[in-house]
Amino acid sequence: MIDWLKKINKEYPEFWKKYLSQFDKKPTRFVVLSTETTGLNPEKDVILSIGSVAILNDAIYVGDSFEVVLLQYIYNHDNGLSNEFIIESKQPKFQEAEAIQAFVEYLGNAILIGHRINFDIEIINEALAKLNCGKLKNEALDIEVMYQKWKELSDTTQFSIQDLQTIFKIEASNKISASDDAFAIALLFLKLKTKLGIY
């Protein structure tokens, strides 16, 4: 069979077909995404953990959240924590394929929110490619870009999550995890959404 014809007739996994079927409806939910990775090259690095929280009607729904540590975290992460601590922690631990499928099922057709979100999307797309899936179709908003637009700044002027927390007087968590970052991004998004008049 010709290569392009194979691509058209490609058989996607069931979870991916279900995900794609949700985009005929307008999204009503935002999902804040933060990933912890081994580095900043989506083609070579891997995801260590994923943290997400949903926003609906201008409220953060902590009960509608997603958090996983990938088993590759244990072998790739060097943060001074022992493997025993990571293994015994109560966070769910998945293989990469399970984690990505679970995240896609959680995400649905929601609008993605993040800090430098394009990187998070790219590294998830790399993991999806290994599962014979396509790329994420969700619309995405980036809090750094939102801040630059609000202040009419050049897109070369960079702001970390901590910089933005300081600017908006949001107390930073003393924990550092993908979930903590997701919650901070959610708070910043709601502030910036109001400043930019997004409803």
Protein backbone atom coordinates (compact mmCIF):
# COMPACT_ATOMS: atom_id res chain seq x y z
CA MET A 1 0.00 0.00 0.00
CA ILE A 2 1.25 3.52 -0.81
CA ASP A 3 2.63 5.34 2.28
CA TRP A 4 0.15 8.24 2.17
CA LEU A 5 -2.74 5.79 1.84
CA LYS A 6 -1.50 3.91 4.90
CA LYS A 7 -1.56 7.18 6.84
CA ILE A 8 -5.16 7.92 5.80
CA ASN A 9 -6.29 4.41 6.75
CA LYS A 10 -4.27 4.38 9.97
CA GLU A 11 -6.05 2.55 12.78
CA TYR A 12 -5.87 4.64 15.94
CA PRO A 13 -6.21 3.19 19.45
CA GLU A 14 -9.76 3.35 20.86
CA PHE A 15 -8.95 6.02 23.47
CA TRP A 16 -7.61 8.30 20.70
CA LYS A 17 -10.72 7.80 18.53
CA LYS A 18 -12.88 8.74 21.52
CA TYR A 19 -10.71 11.82 22.16
CA LEU A 20 -11.03 12.96 18.52
CA SER A 21 -14.82 12.50 18.60
CA GLN A 22 -15.18 15.21 21.29
CA PHE A 23 -14.14 18.13 19.08
CA ASP A 24 -17.50 18.63 17.40
CA LYS A 25 -18.59 20.34 20.64
CA LYS A 26 -17.40 23.71 21.93
CA PRO A 27 -15.16 23.35 25.00
CA THR A 28 -16.61 24.57 28.30
CA ARG A 29 -13.64 23.64 30.46
CA PHE A 30 -10.06 24.82 30.78
CA VAL A 31 -7.34 22.37 31.82
CA VAL A 32 -4.11 23.76 33.25
CA LEU A 33 -1.14 21.58 32.35
CA SER A 34 2.34 21.38 33.83
CA THR A 35 4.90 18.71 33.08
CA GLU A 36 8.19 17.89 34.72
CA THR A 37 10.70 16.53 32.20
CA THR A 38 14.32 15.39 31.93
CA GLY A 39 15.17 18.41 29.77
CA LEU A 40 13.93 20.83 27.12
CA ASN A 41 14.26 18.77 23.95
CA PRO A 42 10.87 17.13 23.20
CA GLU A 43 12.49 14.64 20.80
CA LYS A 44 15.11 13.36 23.25
CA ASP A 45 13.79 14.08 26.74
CA VAL A 46 10.94 12.31 28.57
CA ILE A 47 8.11 13.27 30.89
CA LEU A 48 8.70 12.56 34.58
CA SER A 49 5.39 13.80 35.97
CA ILE A 50 2.17 15.49 34.85
CA GLY A 51 0.02 17.80 36.97
CA SER A 52 -3.28 19.31 35.86
CA VAL A 53 -6.28 21.06 37.35
CA ALA A 54 -9.54 22.14 35.72
CA ILE A 55 -11.11 25.59 35.60
CA LEU A 56 -14.83 25.95 35.01
CA ASN A 57 -16.88 29.15 35.25
CA ASP A 58 -13.89 31.12 36.56
CA ALA A 59 -13.34 28.69 39.46
CA ILE A 60 -10.49 26.25 40.02
CA TYR A 61 -11.90 22.75 40.62
CA VAL A 62 -9.31 21.00 42.79
CA GLY A 63 -11.53 17.91 42.75
CA ASP A 64 -11.19 17.82 38.96
CA SER A 65 -7.44 17.34 38.83
CA PHE A 66 -4.93 14.91 37.39
CA GLU A 67 -1.54 13.95 38.78
CA VAL A 68 0.79 11.10 37.87
CA VAL A 69 4.43 10.27 38.34
CA LEU A 70 5.83 8.22 35.49
CA LEU A 71 7.89 5.20 36.42
CA GLN A 72 10.79 6.63 34.39
CA TYR A 73 10.92 9.36 37.09
CA ILE A 74 12.57 6.87 39.42
CA TYR A 75 15.44 6.27 37.01
CA ASN A 76 15.87 9.74 35.50
CA HIS A 77 15.22 12.26 38.22
CA ASP A 78 18.00 13.64 40.36
CA ASN A 79 16.49 15.87 43.02
CA GLY A 80 17.96 14.36 46.15
CA LEU A 81 14.91 12.20 46.87
CA SER A 82 15.60 8.54 47.32
CA ASN A 83 13.95 6.01 45.05
CA GLU A 84 12.25 4.57 48.15
CA PHE A 85 10.55 7.92 48.83
CA ILE A 86 9.30 8.15 45.25
CA ILE A 87 8.15 4.52 45.17
CA GLU A 88 6.32 4.89 48.50
CA SER A 89 4.70 8.26 47.69
CA LYS A 90 0.94 8.13 47.24
CA GLN A 91 0.96 9.67 43.75
CA PRO A 92 -0.17 7.20 41.06
CA LYS A 93 2.77 5.80 39.09
CA PHE A 94 2.22 4.80 35.48
CA GLN A 95 4.28 3.63 32.57
CA GLU A 96 4.48 6.38 29.94
CA ALA A 97 1.83 4.81 27.67
CA GLU A 98 -0.67 4.46 30.54
CA ALA A 99 0.02 7.99 31.78
CA ILE A 100 -0.47 9.60 28.37
CA GLN A 101 -3.69 7.67 27.73
CA ALA A 102 -5.05 8.62 31.17
CA PHE A 103 -4.14 12.28 30.59
CA VAL A 104 -5.84 12.38 27.16
CA GLU A 105 -8.97 10.82 28.66
CA TYR A 106 -8.92 13.44 31.44
CA LEU A 107 -8.25 16.31 29.03
CA GLY A 108 -11.04 15.76 26.50
CA ASN A 109 -11.70 18.82 24.34
CA ALA A 110 -10.76 21.34 27.07
CA ILE A 111 -8.74 24.46 26.28
CA LEU A 112 -5.20 23.92 27.55
CA ILE A 113 -3.55 26.53 29.77
CA GLY A 114 0.13 26.56 30.68
CA HIS A 115 3.40 28.38 31.06
CA ARG A 116 5.39 27.93 27.83
CA ILE A 117 2.62 25.50 26.94
CA ASN A 118 4.00 24.75 23.46
CA PHE A 119 6.79 22.72 25.04
CA ASP A 120 4.34 20.68 27.15
CA ILE A 121 2.24 20.01 24.04
CA GLU A 122 5.29 19.02 21.98
CA ILE A 123 6.61 16.52 24.53
CA ILE A 124 3.14 14.97 24.96
CA ASN A 125 2.83 14.75 21.16
CA GLU A 126 6.15 12.86 21.07
CA ALA A 127 4.76 10.37 23.59
CA LEU A 128 1.52 10.10 21.59
CA ALA A 129 3.49 9.32 18.41
CA LYS A 130 4.89 6.23 20.16
CA LEU A 131 1.29 5.07 20.67
CA ASN A 132 0.42 5.52 16.98
CA CYS A 133 -1.77 8.52 17.75
CA GLY A 134 -1.97 11.95 16.17
CA LYS A 135 -1.19 15.28 17.87
CA LEU A 136 -3.25 17.05 20.52
CA LYS A 137 -6.01 19.13 18.92
CA ASN A 138 -6.86 21.33 21.90
CA GLU A 139 -6.70 25.10 21.71
CA ALA A 140 -4.01 26.45 24.05
CA LEU A 141 -3.31 29.66 25.95
CA ASP A 142 0.00 30.60 27.53
CA ILE A 143 0.12 32.78 30.66
CA GLU A 144 3.50 34.25 29.72
CA VAL A 145 2.15 35.34 26.32
CA MET A 146 -1.02 36.67 27.99
CA TYR A 147 1.08 38.80 30.32
CA GLN A 148 3.23 40.08 27.44
CA LYS A 149 0.08 41.06 25.52
CA TRP A 150 -1.51 42.76 28.51
CA LYS A 151 1.65 44.80 29.15
CA GLU A 152 2.33 45.23 25.40
CA LEU A 153 5.80 43.74 25.80
CA SER A 154 8.04 42.05 23.27
CA ASP A 155 7.71 38.27 23.16
CA THR A 156 11.45 38.10 23.92
CA THR A 157 10.82 39.45 27.44
CA GLN A 158 10.54 36.30 29.55
CA PHE A 159 8.76 35.74 32.86
CA SER A 160 9.00 32.60 34.98
CA ILE A 161 6.00 31.37 36.97
CA GLN A 162 7.73 32.76 40.07
CA ASP A 163 8.19 36.17 38.37
CA LEU A 164 4.47 36.29 37.59
CA GLN A 165 3.53 35.17 41.11
CA THR A 166 5.61 38.04 42.50
CA ILE A 167 4.02 40.55 40.09
CA PHE A 168 0.49 39.44 41.06
CA LYS A 169 1.33 39.01 44.76
CA ILE A 170 0.46 35.31 44.74
CA GLU A 171 2.25 33.40 47.48
CA ALA A 172 4.53 30.72 46.07
CA SER A 173 4.29 27.17 47.37
CA ASN A 174 7.34 25.81 49.15
CA LYS A 175 6.79 22.53 47.28
CA ILE A 176 8.00 22.08 43.72
CA SER A 177 5.94 19.68 41.65
CA ALA A 178 4.00 19.67 38.40
CA SER A 179 0.74 19.87 40.38
CA ASP A 180 1.89 22.85 42.44
CA ASP A 181 2.92 24.62 39.24
CA ALA A 182 -0.45 23.79 37.65
CA PHE A 183 -2.30 25.37 40.58
CA ALA A 184 -0.10 28.49 40.43
CA ILE A 185 -0.66 28.75 36.66
CA ALA A 186 -4.44 28.42 37.22
CA LEU A 187 -4.41 31.35 39.69
CA LEU A 188 -2.33 33.46 37.29
CA PHE A 189 -4.58 32.56 34.35
CA LEU A 190 -7.70 33.75 36.17
CA LYS A 191 -6.00 37.07 36.98
CA LEU A 192 -4.77 37.55 33.41
CA LYS A 193 -8.10 36.47 31.92
CA THR A 194 -9.76 39.33 33.85
CA LYS A 195 -7.06 41.84 32.88
CA LEU A 196 -7.42 40.95 29.19
CA GLY A 197 -11.22 40.88 29.33
CA ILE A 198 -11.50 37.24 28.20
CA TYR A 199 -14.90 35.72 29.02
